[in-house]
C-alpha atoms as a PDB file:
ATOM      1  CA  MET A   1     119.384 121.406 106.496  1.00  0.00           C
ATOM      2  CA  SER A   2     119.762 117.518 106.779  1.00  0.00           C
ATOM      3  CA  GLN A   3     118.545 115.611 103.734  1.00  0.00           C
ATOM      4  CA  PRO A   4     116.051 112.845 104.009  1.00  0.00           C
ATOM      5  CA  VAL A   5     117.750 109.321 104.134  1.00  0.00           C
ATOM      6  CA  ILE A   6     114.596 106.986 104.522  1.00  0.00           C
ATOM      7  CA  ARG A   7     111.375 107.880 103.414  1.00  0.00           C
ATOM      8  CA  PHE A   8     108.107 106.006 103.646  1.00  0.00           C
ATOM      9  CA  ASN A   9     105.153 107.322 101.341  1.00  0.00           C
ATOM     10  CA  ALA A  10     101.901 105.853 102.553  1.00  0.00           C
ATOM     11  CA  VAL A  11     103.286 102.535 102.827  1.00  0.00           C
ATOM     12  CA  SER A  12     101.049  99.425 103.958  1.00  0.00           C
ATOM     13  CA  LYS A  13     102.188  95.884 104.527  1.00  0.00           C
ATOM     14  CA  THR A  14      99.628  93.052 104.439  1.00  0.00           C
ATOM     15  CA  PHE A  15     100.575  89.343 105.297  1.00  0.00           C
ATOM     16  CA  THR A  16      98.596  86.293 104.230  1.00  0.00           C
ATOM     17  CA  ARG A  17      98.947  83.152 106.527  1.00  0.00           C
ATOM     18  CA  LYS A  18      96.659  80.105 106.299  1.00  0.00           C
ATOM     19  CA  GLY A  19      94.384  82.171 103.900  1.00  0.00           C
ATOM     20  CA  GLU A  20      93.841  85.000 106.427  1.00  0.00           C
ATOM     21  CA  SER A  21      95.118  88.528 105.995  1.00  0.00           C
ATOM     22  CA  PHE A  22      97.011  90.689 108.339  1.00  0.00           C
ATOM     23  CA  LEU A  23      97.242  94.187 108.124  1.00  0.00           C
ATOM     24  CA  ALA A  24     101.041  94.602 109.441  1.00  0.00           C
ATOM     25  CA  LEU A  25     101.618  98.648 108.472  1.00  0.00           C
ATOM     26  CA  ASP A  26      98.382 100.738 107.958  1.00  0.00           C
ATOM     27  CA  ASN A  27      99.289 103.915 105.567  1.00  0.00           C
ATOM     28  CA  VAL A  28     102.797 104.656 107.195  1.00  0.00           C
ATOM     29  CA  ASN A  29     104.388 108.255 106.255  1.00  0.00           C
ATOM     30  CA  LEU A  30     107.622 108.555 107.705  1.00  0.00           C
ATOM     31  CA  THR A  31     111.152 110.854 107.232  1.00  0.00           C
ATOM     32  CA  ILE A  32     114.341 110.029 108.778  1.00  0.00           C
ATOM     33  CA  ASN A  33     117.050 112.430 107.854  1.00  0.00           C
ATOM     34  CA  GLN A  34     120.722 111.985 107.636  1.00  0.00           C
ATOM     35  CA  GLY A  35     122.458 111.808 110.561  1.00  0.00           C
ATOM     36  CA  ASP A  36     119.531 110.966 112.880  1.00  0.00           C
ATOM     37  CA  ILE A  37     119.202 108.696 115.879  1.00  0.00           C
ATOM     38  CA  PHE A  38     115.441 107.459 115.190  1.00  0.00           C
ATOM     39  CA  GLY A  39     113.690 105.737 117.757  1.00  0.00           C
ATOM     40  CA  VAL A  40     110.682 103.362 116.822  1.00  0.00           C
ATOM     41  CA  ILE A  41     109.109 102.518 119.670  1.00  0.00           C
ATOM     42  CA  GLY A  42     105.768 100.379 120.210  1.00  0.00           C
ATOM     43  CA  THR A  43     104.313  97.108 122.078  1.00  0.00           C
ATOM     44  CA  SER A  44     104.794  94.086 120.761  1.00  0.00           C
ATOM     45  CA  GLY A  45     102.771  93.707 117.577  1.00  0.00           C
ATOM     46  CA  ALA A  46     102.919  97.304 116.696  1.00  0.00           C
ATOM     47  CA  GLY A  47     104.630  96.976 113.195  1.00  0.00           C
ATOM     48  CA  LYS A  48     108.018  97.970 114.382  1.00  0.00           C
ATOM     49  CA  SER A  49     110.381  94.808 112.980  1.00  0.00           C
ATOM     50  CA  THR A  50     108.137  95.093 109.481  1.00  0.00           C
ATOM     51  CA  LEU A  51     108.952  98.357 109.173  1.00  0.00           C
ATOM     52  CA  LEU A  52     112.651  97.543 109.564  1.00  0.00           C
ATOM     53  CA  ARG A  53     112.375  94.891 107.073  1.00  0.00           C
ATOM     54  CA  LEU A  54     111.139  97.197 104.615  1.00  0.00           C
ATOM     55  CA  ILE A  55     113.932  99.430 104.969  1.00  0.00           C
ATOM     56  CA  ASN A  56     116.618  96.544 104.508  1.00  0.00           C
ATOM     57  CA  HIS A  57     114.171  95.050 101.471  1.00  0.00           C
ATOM     58  CA  LEU A  58     113.599  91.725 103.672  1.00  0.00           C
ATOM     59  CA  GLU A  59     110.170  92.286 102.649  1.00  0.00           C
ATOM     60  CA  ALA A  60     108.250  94.297 100.156  1.00  0.00           C
ATOM     61  CA  PRO A  61     105.569  96.930 100.476  1.00  0.00           C
ATOM     62  CA  THR A  62     101.842  95.764  99.662  1.00  0.00           C
ATOM     63  CA  GLN A  63     101.137  99.632  99.052  1.00  0.00           C
ATOM     64  CA  GLY A  64     103.109 102.786  98.791  1.00  0.00           C
ATOM     65  CA  ASP A  65     106.536 103.153  98.484  1.00  0.00           C
ATOM     66  CA  VAL A  66     109.788 103.274 100.707  1.00  0.00           C
ATOM     67  CA  LEU A  67     113.085 105.249  99.417  1.00  0.00           C
ATOM     68  CA  ILE A  68     116.567 104.984 100.454  1.00  0.00           C
ATOM     69  CA  ASN A  69     118.609 108.153  99.458  1.00  0.00           C
ATOM     70  CA  ASN A  70     115.917 109.025  97.171  1.00  0.00           C
ATOM     71  CA  LEU A  71     116.324 105.651  95.348  1.00  0.00           C
ATOM     72  CA  SER A  72     112.742 103.605  95.417  1.00  0.00           C
ATOM     73  CA  LEU A  73     113.138 100.102  96.559  1.00  0.00           C
ATOM     74  CA  GLN A  74     110.138  99.004  93.990  1.00  0.00           C
ATOM     75  CA  GLY A  75     112.008  97.188  90.667  1.00  0.00           C
ATOM     76  CA  ILE A  76     115.220  97.770  92.237  1.00  0.00           C
ATOM     77  CA  SER A  77     117.837  96.108  90.333  1.00  0.00           C
ATOM     78  CA  LYS A  78     119.943  93.204  91.688  1.00  0.00           C
ATOM     79  CA  LYS A  79     122.977  95.251  91.231  1.00  0.00           C
ATOM     80  CA  GLN A  80     121.066  98.469  93.075  1.00  0.00           C
ATOM     81  CA  LEU A  81     119.946  95.828  96.106  1.00  0.00           C
ATOM     82  CA  ASN A  82     123.423  94.577  96.676  1.00  0.00           C
ATOM     83  CA  GLN A  83     124.923  97.936  96.908  1.00  0.00           C
ATOM     84  CA  LEU A  84     121.998  99.226  99.295  1.00  0.00           C
ATOM     85  CA  LYS A  85     123.002  95.985 101.615  1.00  0.00           C
ATOM     86  CA  LYS A  86     126.298  97.375 101.592  1.00  0.00           C
ATOM     87  CA  ASP A  87     125.179 100.479 103.024  1.00  0.00           C
ATOM     88  CA  ILE A  88     122.996  99.378 105.972  1.00  0.00           C
ATOM     89  CA  GLY A  89     124.522  97.684 108.740  1.00  0.00           C
ATOM     90  CA  MET A  90     121.928  95.633 110.772  1.00  0.00           C
ATOM     91  CA  ILE A  91     122.333  95.089 114.852  1.00  0.00           C
ATOM     92  CA  PHE A  92     120.137  92.025 116.197  1.00  0.00           C
ATOM     93  CA  GLN A  93     118.798  91.502 119.633  1.00  0.00           C
ATOM     94  CA  HIS A  94     120.131  88.115 119.965  1.00  0.00           C
ATOM     95  CA  PHE A  95     123.568  88.810 118.625  1.00  0.00           C
ATOM     96  CA  ASN A  96     123.371  86.373 115.549  1.00  0.00           C
ATOM     97  CA  LEU A  97     127.017  85.458 116.192  1.00  0.00           C
ATOM     98  CA  LEU A  98     128.322  82.289 114.763  1.00  0.00           C
ATOM     99  CA  ASN A  99     129.776  80.368 117.891  1.00  0.00           C
ATOM    100  CA  SER A 100     132.169  78.062 115.774  1.00  0.00           C
ATOM    101  CA  ARG A 101     134.129  81.415 114.818  1.00  0.00           C
ATOM    102  CA  THR A 102     136.179  83.534 116.492  1.00  0.00           C
ATOM    103  CA  VAL A 103     135.743  87.032 117.059  1.00  0.00           C
ATOM    104  CA  PHE A 104     137.832  88.494 114.591  1.00  0.00           C
ATOM    105  CA  HIS A 105     135.851  85.975 112.125  1.00  0.00           C
ATOM    106  CA  ASN A 106     132.728  87.022 112.917  1.00  0.00           C
ATOM    107  CA  VAL A 107     133.253  90.697 112.175  1.00  0.00           C
ATOM    108  CA  ALA A 108     135.298  89.897 109.282  1.00  0.00           C
ATOM    109  CA  ILE A 109     132.455  87.960 107.622  1.00  0.00           C
ATOM    110  CA  PRO A 110     130.816  90.748 105.443  1.00  0.00           C
ATOM    111  CA  LEU A 111     134.250  91.492 104.064  1.00  0.00           C
ATOM    112  CA  ILE A 112     134.720  87.839 103.031  1.00  0.00           C
ATOM    113  CA  LEU A 113     131.510  88.072 101.503  1.00  0.00           C
ATOM    114  CA  GLN A 114     132.654  91.264  99.579  1.00  0.00           C
ATOM    115  CA  GLY A 115     135.728  89.172  98.286  1.00  0.00           C
ATOM    116  CA  ARG A 116     138.458  91.772 100.200  1.00  0.00           C
ATOM    117  CA  ASP A 117     141.892  90.505 100.728  1.00  0.00           C
ATOM    118  CA  LYS A 118     143.261  88.984 103.747  1.00  0.00           C
ATOM    119  CA  ALA A 119     145.176  92.151 104.321  1.00  0.00           C
ATOM    120  CA  PHE A 120     142.333  94.509 104.041  1.00  0.00           C
ATOM    121  CA  ILE A 121     140.434  92.522 106.202  1.00  0.00           C
ATOM    122  CA  ARG A 122     143.177  92.374 108.733  1.00  0.00           C
ATOM    123  CA  GLU A 123     143.149  95.524 109.109  1.00  0.00           C
ATOM    124  CA  ARG A 124     139.877  97.055 108.826  1.00  0.00           C
ATOM    125  CA  VAL A 125     138.597  94.148 111.646  1.00  0.00           C
ATOM    126  CA  SER A 126     141.555  95.256 113.956  1.00  0.00           C
ATOM    127  CA  GLU A 127     140.251  98.765 113.847  1.00  0.00           C
ATOM    128  CA  LEU A 128     136.982  97.810 114.526  1.00  0.00           C
ATOM    129  CA  LEU A 129     137.762  95.875 117.435  1.00  0.00           C
ATOM    130  CA  ALA A 130     139.812  98.592 118.863  1.00  0.00           C
ATOM    131  CA  PHE A 131     137.216 101.104 118.487  1.00  0.00           C
ATOM    132  CA  VAL A 132     134.514  98.695 120.266  1.00  0.00           C
ATOM    133  CA  ASN A 133     137.195  97.585 122.891  1.00  0.00           C
ATOM    134  CA  LEU A 134     137.790  94.445 122.225  1.00  0.00           C
ATOM    135  CA  SER A 135     140.938  93.636 120.876  1.00  0.00           C
ATOM    136  CA  ASP A 136     141.951  91.466 123.486  1.00  0.00           C
ATOM    137  CA  LYS A 137     139.048  89.317 122.694  1.00  0.00           C
ATOM    138  CA  ALA A 138     139.894  88.367 118.823  1.00  0.00           C
ATOM    139  CA  GLU A 139     140.760  84.884 118.873  1.00  0.00           C
ATOM    140  CA  SER A 140     137.975  84.241 121.784  1.00  0.00           C
ATOM    141  CA  TYR A 141     134.802  82.377 120.680  1.00  0.00           C
ATOM    142  CA  PRO A 142     130.852  84.036 121.189  1.00  0.00           C
ATOM    143  CA  ASN A 143     130.516  81.547 124.262  1.00  0.00           C
ATOM    144  CA  GLU A 144     133.490  83.009 125.831  1.00  0.00           C
ATOM    145  CA  LEU A 145     131.935  86.545 125.965  1.00  0.00           C
ATOM    146  CA  SER A 146     129.047  88.543 128.192  1.00  0.00           C
ATOM    147  CA  GLY A 147     125.944  89.701 126.573  1.00  0.00           C
ATOM    148  CA  GLY A 148     127.240  93.108 126.570  1.00  0.00           C
ATOM    149  CA  GLN A 149     130.671  91.768 124.250  1.00  0.00           C
ATOM    150  CA  LYS A 150     128.598  89.830 122.180  1.00  0.00           C
ATOM    151  CA  GLN A 151     126.708  92.838 121.103  1.00  0.00           C
ATOM    152  CA  ARG A 152     129.750  94.763 120.606  1.00  0.00           C
ATOM    153  CA  VAL A 153     130.992  92.259 118.450  1.00  0.00           C
ATOM    154  CA  GLY A 154     127.716  92.532 116.648  1.00  0.00           C
ATOM    155  CA  ILE A 155     128.317  96.088 116.287  1.00  0.00           C
ATOM    156  CA  ALA A 156     132.020  95.957 114.729  1.00  0.00           C
ATOM    157  CA  ARG A 157     130.540  93.147 112.456  1.00  0.00           C
ATOM    158  CA  ALA A 158     127.749  95.668 111.523  1.00  0.00           C
ATOM    159  CA  LEU A 159     130.291  98.861 110.941  1.00  0.00           C
ATOM    160  CA  ALA A 160     132.496  96.390 108.532  1.00  0.00           C
ATOM    161  CA  THR A 161     131.183  97.743 105.243  1.00  0.00           C
ATOM    162  CA  ASN A 162     131.168 101.317 106.246  1.00  0.00           C
ATOM    163  CA  PRO A 163     127.530 101.795 106.174  1.00  0.00           C
ATOM    164  CA  SER A 164     126.012 105.044 106.219  1.00  0.00           C
ATOM    165  CA  ILE A 165     122.536 103.476 107.683  1.00  0.00           C
ATOM    166  CA  LEU A 166     122.691 101.196 111.006  1.00  0.00           C
ATOM    167  CA  LEU A 167     119.491  99.517 111.948  1.00  0.00           C
ATOM    168  CA  CYS A 168     119.391  98.360 115.594  1.00  0.00           C
ATOM    169  CA  ASP A 169     116.288  95.827 116.163  1.00  0.00           C
ATOM    170  CA  GLU A 170     115.666  95.515 120.232  1.00  0.00           C
ATOM    171  CA  ALA A 171     119.689  95.857 120.501  1.00  0.00           C
ATOM    172  CA  THR A 172     119.455  96.569 124.328  1.00  0.00           C
ATOM    173  CA  SER A 173     116.526  94.533 125.232  1.00  0.00           C
ATOM    174  CA  ALA A 174     118.508  91.239 126.056  1.00  0.00           C
ATOM    175  CA  LEU A 175     120.853  93.187 128.468  1.00  0.00           C
ATOM    176  CA  ASP A 176     121.113  94.421 131.618  1.00  0.00           C
ATOM    177  CA  PRO A 177     120.827  97.988 132.552  1.00  0.00           C
ATOM    178  CA  HIS A 178     124.339  98.712 133.120  1.00  0.00           C
ATOM    179  CA  THR A 179     125.381  96.784 129.729  1.00  0.00           C
ATOM    180  CA  THR A 180     122.318  98.880 127.918  1.00  0.00           C
ATOM    181  CA  VAL A 181     123.845 102.279 129.236  1.00  0.00           C
ATOM    182  CA  GLN A 182     127.244 101.104 127.840  1.00  0.00           C
ATOM    183  CA  ILE A 183     125.904 100.159 124.323  1.00  0.00           C
ATOM    184  CA  LEU A 184     123.941 103.148 123.831  1.00  0.00           C
ATOM    185  CA  LEU A 185     126.911 105.147 124.678  1.00  0.00           C
ATOM    186  CA  LEU A 186     128.372 103.370 122.030  1.00  0.00           C
ATOM    187  CA  LEU A 187     125.991 103.695 119.325  1.00  0.00           C
ATOM    188  CA  GLN A 188     125.870 107.459 120.356  1.00  0.00           C
ATOM    189  CA  GLU A 189     129.695 107.685 119.897  1.00  0.00           C
ATOM    190  CA  ILE A 190     129.179 105.933 116.390  1.00  0.00           C
ATOM    191  CA  ASN A 191     126.439 108.164 115.394  1.00  0.00           C
ATOM    192  CA  ARG A 192     128.622 111.206 116.402  1.00  0.00           C
ATOM    193  CA  ARG A 193     132.055 110.034 115.169  1.00  0.00           C
ATOM    194  CA  TYR A 194     131.066 108.502 111.603  1.00  0.00           C
ATOM    195  CA  GLY A 195     127.856 110.538 111.269  1.00  0.00           C
ATOM    196  CA  ILE A 196     126.114 107.222 110.737  1.00  0.00           C
ATOM    197  CA  THR A 197     121.944 107.652 110.638  1.00  0.00           C
ATOM    198  CA  ILE A 198     120.817 105.389 113.456  1.00  0.00           C
ATOM    199  CA  VAL A 199     117.185 103.298 113.513  1.00  0.00           C
ATOM    200  CA  LEU A 200     116.358 102.300 116.763  1.00  0.00           C
ATOM    201  CA  ILE A 201     113.687 100.003 117.387  1.00  0.00           C
ATOM    202  CA  THR A 202     112.708  99.253 120.953  1.00  0.00           C
ATOM    203  CA  HIS A 203     109.625  98.877 123.546  1.00  0.00           C
ATOM    204  CA  GLU A 204     111.482 100.881 126.116  1.00  0.00           C
ATOM    205  CA  MET A 205     111.254 104.493 126.287  1.00  0.00           C
ATOM    206  CA  SER A 206     114.130 104.919 128.377  1.00  0.00           C
ATOM    207  CA  VAL A 207     116.361 103.982 125.714  1.00  0.00           C
ATOM    208  CA  VAL A 208     114.718 106.750 123.405  1.00  0.00           C
ATOM    209  CA  GLN A 209     115.197 109.233 126.123  1.00  0.00           C
ATOM    210  CA  LYS A 210     118.749 108.524 126.195  1.00  0.00           C
ATOM    211  CA  ILE A 211     119.804 108.476 122.770  1.00  0.00           C
ATOM    212  CA  CYS A 212     117.151 109.475 120.272  1.00  0.00           C
ATOM    213  CA  HIS A 213     116.842 112.756 118.634  1.00  0.00           C
ATOM    214  CA  LYS A 214     113.509 111.870 117.042  1.00  0.00           C
ATOM    215  CA  VAL A 215     110.867 109.080 117.439  1.00  0.00           C
ATOM    216  CA  ALA A 216     107.922 107.589 116.010  1.00  0.00           C
ATOM    217  CA  VAL A 217     105.092 105.967 118.322  1.00  0.00           C
ATOM    218  CA  MET A 218     103.506 102.837 116.567  1.00  0.00           C
ATOM    219  CA  ALA A 219     100.456 101.267 117.404  1.00  0.00           C
ATOM    220  CA  GLN A 220      98.321  98.612 115.317  1.00  0.00           C
ATOM    221  CA  GLY A 221     100.601  99.078 112.418  1.00  0.00           C
ATOM    222  CA  ARG A 222     100.232 102.767 112.059  1.00  0.00           C
ATOM    223  CA  VAL A 223     102.299 105.902 113.272  1.00  0.00           C
ATOM    224  CA  VAL A 224     100.021 107.565 115.843  1.00  0.00           C
ATOM    225  CA  GLU A 225     102.621 110.513 116.670  1.00  0.00           C
ATOM    226  CA  GLN A 226     106.232 111.540 115.987  1.00  0.00           C
ATOM    227  CA  GLY A 227     108.570 114.243 116.614  1.00  0.00           C
ATOM    228  CA  SER A 228     111.533 115.108 118.357  1.00  0.00           C
ATOM    229  CA  VAL A 229     111.960 113.287 121.867  1.00  0.00           C
ATOM    230  CA  LEU A 230     111.935 116.442 123.712  1.00  0.00           C
ATOM    231  CA  ASP A 231     108.434 117.583 122.395  1.00  0.00           C
ATOM    232  CA  LEU A 232     107.058 113.997 122.747  1.00  0.00           C
ATOM    233  CA  PHE A 233     108.318 113.982 126.394  1.00  0.00           C
ATOM    234  CA  GLY A 234     107.142 117.442 127.072  1.00  0.00           C
ATOM    235  CA  GLN A 235     103.523 117.111 125.210  1.00  0.00           C
ATOM    236  CA  PRO A 236     102.613 113.670 124.340  1.00  0.00           C
ATOM    237  CA  LYS A 237      99.168 113.683 122.142  1.00  0.00           C
ATOM    238  CA  GLU A 238      97.957 110.459 122.213  1.00  0.00           C
ATOM    239  CA  GLU A 239      97.322 108.150 125.014  1.00  0.00           C
ATOM    240  CA  VAL A 240      99.905 105.576 123.864  1.00  0.00           C
ATOM    241  CA  THR A 241     102.684 107.919 123.606  1.00  0.00           C
ATOM    242  CA  ALA A 242     101.747 109.089 127.281  1.00  0.00           C
ATOM    243  CA  SER A 243     101.687 105.849 128.849  1.00  0.00           C
ATOM    244  CA  PHE A 244     105.168 105.132 127.058  1.00  0.00           C
ATOM    245  CA  VAL A 245     106.429 108.503 128.785  1.00  0.00           C
ATOM    246  CA  GLN A 246     104.901 107.518 131.965  1.00  0.00           C
ATOM    247  CA  SER A 247     107.018 104.641 132.250  1.00  0.00           C
ATOM    248  CA  VAL A 248     110.483 106.798 132.162  1.00  0.00           C
ATOM    249  CA  ILE A 249     108.611 109.644 134.257  1.00  0.00           C
ATOM    250  CA  HIS A 250     105.824 108.605 136.714  1.00  0.00           C
ATOM    251  CA  ASP A 251     103.614 111.810 137.003  1.00  0.00           C
ATOM    252  CA  ARG A 252     100.416 110.457 137.133  1.00  0.00           C
ATOM    253  CA  LEU A 253      98.744 111.026 140.332  1.00  0.00           C
ATOM    254  CA  PRO A 254      96.703 108.227 141.960  1.00  0.00           C
ATOM    255  CA  GLU A 255      92.524 108.859 141.288  1.00  0.00           C
ATOM    256  CA  GLN A 256      91.914 109.529 145.000  1.00  0.00           C
ATOM    257  CA  THR A 257      94.054 112.515 145.042  1.00  0.00           C
ATOM    258  CA  VAL A 258      93.136 113.714 141.668  1.00  0.00           C
ATOM    259  CA  ALA A 259      89.319 113.075 143.096  1.00  0.00           C
ATOM    260  CA  ARG A 260      90.038 114.833 146.091  1.00  0.00           C
ATOM    261  CA  ILE A 261      91.574 117.923 144.673  1.00  0.00           C
ATOM    262  CA  ARG A 262      88.634 118.382 141.861  1.00  0.00           C
ATOM    263  CA  GLN A 263      86.366 118.476 145.421  1.00  0.00           C
ATOM    264  CA  GLN A 264      88.079 121.411 146.420  1.00  0.00           C
ATOM    265  CA  SER A 265      86.447 124.430 145.008  1.00  0.00           C
ATOM    266  CA  GLN A 266      88.998 127.252 145.803  1.00  0.00           C
ATOM    267  CA  SER A 267      92.013 125.140 144.291  1.00  0.00           C
ATOM    268  CA  ARG A 268      93.545 124.018 141.162  1.00  0.00           C
ATOM    269  CA  ALA A 269      95.738 121.046 140.375  1.00  0.00           C
ATOM    270  CA  LEU A 270      98.050 121.836 137.629  1.00  0.00           C
ATOM    271  CA  ARG A 271     101.037 120.275 136.001  1.00  0.00           C
ATOM    272  CA  LEU A 272     103.814 122.268 135.113  1.00  0.00           C
ATOM    273  CA  GLU A 273     106.508 121.684 132.720  1.00  0.00           C
ATOM    274  CA  PHE A 274     110.079 123.666 132.598  1.00  0.00           C
ATOM    275  CA  VAL A 275     112.064 123.538 129.478  1.00  0.00           C
ATOM    276  CA  GLY A 276     115.772 124.558 129.359  1.00  0.00           C
ATOM    277  CA  GLN A 277     116.497 127.986 131.382  1.00  0.00           C
ATOM    278  CA  THR A 278     113.254 127.804 132.788  1.00  0.00           C
ATOM    279  CA  ALA A 279     113.920 124.735 134.752  1.00  0.00           C
ATOM    280  CA  GLN A 280     116.948 126.364 136.407  1.00  0.00           C
ATOM    281  CA  GLN A 281     115.218 129.425 138.012  1.00  0.00           C
ATOM    282  CA  PRO A 282     113.546 129.607 140.729  1.00  0.00           C
ATOM    283  CA  ILE A 283     110.222 130.310 139.690  1.00  0.00           C
ATOM    284  CA  VAL A 284     107.982 128.678 141.972  1.00  0.00           C
ATOM    285  CA  ASN A 285     110.019 129.954 145.021  1.00  0.00           C
ATOM    286  CA  ARG A 286     108.692 133.511 143.599  1.00  0.00           C
ATOM    287  CA  LEU A 287     105.377 132.146 143.379  1.00  0.00           C
ATOM    288  CA  ILE A 288     105.248 131.283 146.675  1.00  0.00           C
ATOM    289  CA  ARG A 289     106.532 134.635 148.141  1.00  0.00           C
ATOM    290  CA  GLU A 290     105.454 136.870 146.171  1.00  0.00           C
ATOM    291  CA  TYR A 291     101.378 135.736 145.618  1.00  0.00           C
ATOM    292  CA  PRO A 292      98.894 134.992 148.372  1.00  0.00           C
ATOM    293  CA  VAL A 293      98.214 131.481 147.366  1.00  0.00           C
ATOM    294  CA  GLU A 294      98.725 128.089 149.025  1.00  0.00           C
ATOM    295  CA  VAL A 295     101.095 125.875 146.954  1.00  0.00           C
ATOM    296  CA  ASN A 296     101.291 122.299 147.570  1.00  0.00           C
ATOM    297  CA  ILE A 297     103.637 120.364 145.488  1.00  0.00           C
ATOM    298  CA  LEU A 298     102.172 116.928 144.689  1.00  0.00           C
ATOM    299  CA  PHE A 299     105.510 115.512 142.353  1.00  0.00           C
ATOM    300  CA  ALA A 300     108.227 116.896 140.611  1.00  0.00           C
ATOM    301  CA  SER A 301     111.009 115.592 138.501  1.00  0.00           C
ATOM    302  CA  MET A 302     114.025 116.494 136.019  1.00  0.00           C
ATOM    303  CA  SER A 303     115.922 115.003 133.456  1.00  0.00           C
ATOM    304  CA  GLU A 304     117.743 115.650 130.459  1.00  0.00           C
ATOM    305  CA  ILE A 305     116.845 115.087 126.954  1.00  0.00           C
ATOM    306  CA  GLN A 306     119.122 115.976 124.267  1.00  0.00           C
ATOM    307  CA  ASN A 307     121.209 118.195 126.490  1.00  0.00           C
ATOM    308  CA  THR A 308     118.266 119.879 127.683  1.00  0.00           C
ATOM    309  CA  ILE A 309     116.912 120.103 131.004  1.00  0.00           C
ATOM    310  CA  LEU A 310     113.155 119.062 131.250  1.00  0.00           C
ATOM    311  CA  GLY A 311     111.162 119.118 134.462  1.00  0.00           C
ATOM    312  CA  PHE A 312     108.161 118.514 135.597  1.00  0.00           C
ATOM    313  CA  MET A 313     105.782 119.492 138.625  1.00  0.00           C
ATOM    314  CA  ILE A 314     102.328 118.915 139.799  1.00  0.00           C
ATOM    315  CA  VAL A 315     100.991 121.823 142.175  1.00  0.00           C
ATOM    316  CA  GLN A 316      97.785 122.420 144.123  1.00  0.00           C
ATOM    317  CA  ILE A 317      97.150 126.292 144.173  1.00  0.00           C
ATOM    318  CA  GLY A 318      94.561 127.363 146.479  1.00  0.00           C
ATOM    319  CA  GLY A 319      93.462 130.560 147.013  1.00  0.00           C
ATOM    320  CA  GLU A 320      90.978 133.268 145.964  1.00  0.00           C
ATOM    321  CA  THR A 321      90.052 132.904 142.499  1.00  0.00           C
ATOM    322  CA  ALA A 322      91.362 136.018 141.427  1.00  0.00           C
ATOM    323  CA  ASP A 323      94.709 135.291 143.258  1.00  0.00           C
ATOM    324  CA  ILE A 324      94.936 132.042 141.375  1.00  0.00           C
ATOM    325  CA  ASP A 325      94.644 133.439 137.674  1.00  0.00           C
ATOM    326  CA  ALA A 326      96.966 135.750 138.816  1.00  0.00           C
ATOM    327  CA  ALA A 327      99.546 133.433 140.055  1.00  0.00           C
ATOM    328  CA  ILE A 328      98.810 131.423 136.630  1.00  0.00           C
ATOM    329  CA  ARG A 329      99.334 134.568 134.842  1.00  0.00           C
ATOM    330  CA  TYR A 330     102.814 134.843 136.197  1.00  0.00           C
ATOM    331  CA  LEU A 331     103.847 130.831 135.513  1.00  0.00           C
ATOM    332  CA  HIS A 332     102.857 131.402 132.221  1.00  0.00           C
ATOM    333  CA  ASP A 333     104.714 134.613 131.728  1.00  0.00           C
ATOM    334  CA  ALA A 334     107.973 132.878 133.376  1.00  0.00           C
ATOM    335  CA  GLY A 335     107.734 130.500 130.122  1.00  0.00           C
ATOM    336  CA  VAL A 336     106.469 127.584 132.012  1.00  0.00           C
ATOM    337  CA  LYS A 337     103.853 125.301 130.238  1.00  0.00           C
ATOM    338  CA  ILE A 338     100.683 124.684 132.344  1.00  0.00           C
ATOM    339  CA  SER A 339      97.843 122.522 132.105  1.00  0.00           C
ATOM    340  CA  ASP A 340      95.163 120.958 134.255  1.00  0.00           C
ATOM    341  CA  VAL A 341      95.342 117.719 135.950  1.00  0.00           C
END
């Protein structure tokens, strides 16, 4: 079983500006395990970036405690803090590169600050540039690079000190869709190859869908829902979570369609969820062939999340009440998750 790497125990954070207090985090409880790619999603002002700043100790909680590898950040010594900083890499939305320094020098900065010798720095930076596929850009300057290449430099720099935790603050928000996919695949490879725990701050559910194992949904400084990405996509409990999911899977019917269906006494509109093997079976086909009901497919989609197929359908089933009930029992027995629209 994976060990907890980051824990938030009843953490609140209040900022005071111009005599007014603002609650940025409100009683946050969160556990991130070793090796997770953990997404934190929310709209602007939800508290995501504040949560990240508490992990790397740029801010301290007003109440509660943050623990990294079972070490409380409350009253942490300077020596412990320096070691902690070596163990946490940071990737930024806008890259934060020094434009007056070469790609090689930008990646080398954390090692220079550690006082590493030139031979070690040369070997380590060359290794990292090869890993992010930028060996031929070592002597280039940031203004000569594309956005995706700049972010690869930022990733190489974040890995320079061999961290066990990588914090990504909207790391793909400034990139085009194609480059976003490339960067996400690179982060996935970092997690797979090195076992690094990745905390990914984002406002895009498509980013969470592509690479995260688990996710916490934030709103107004609170974690309103958390769990596996598969569970939250399949059965979101909170409206804010459902709205994020619907930004990727557009399964909400027009209100006029829903109203029309509800006026029909001899039919029901159902949302069907197919997970894993059930998504690959001809379940609805058998339903149509074997039961005396009419089936109108209003919506259908299929996605792959964490190597698991997740399918959705919205169907209108018409017929006699007993026949509809029998059809629903068949779907349930076949492993389909069912809810009324």
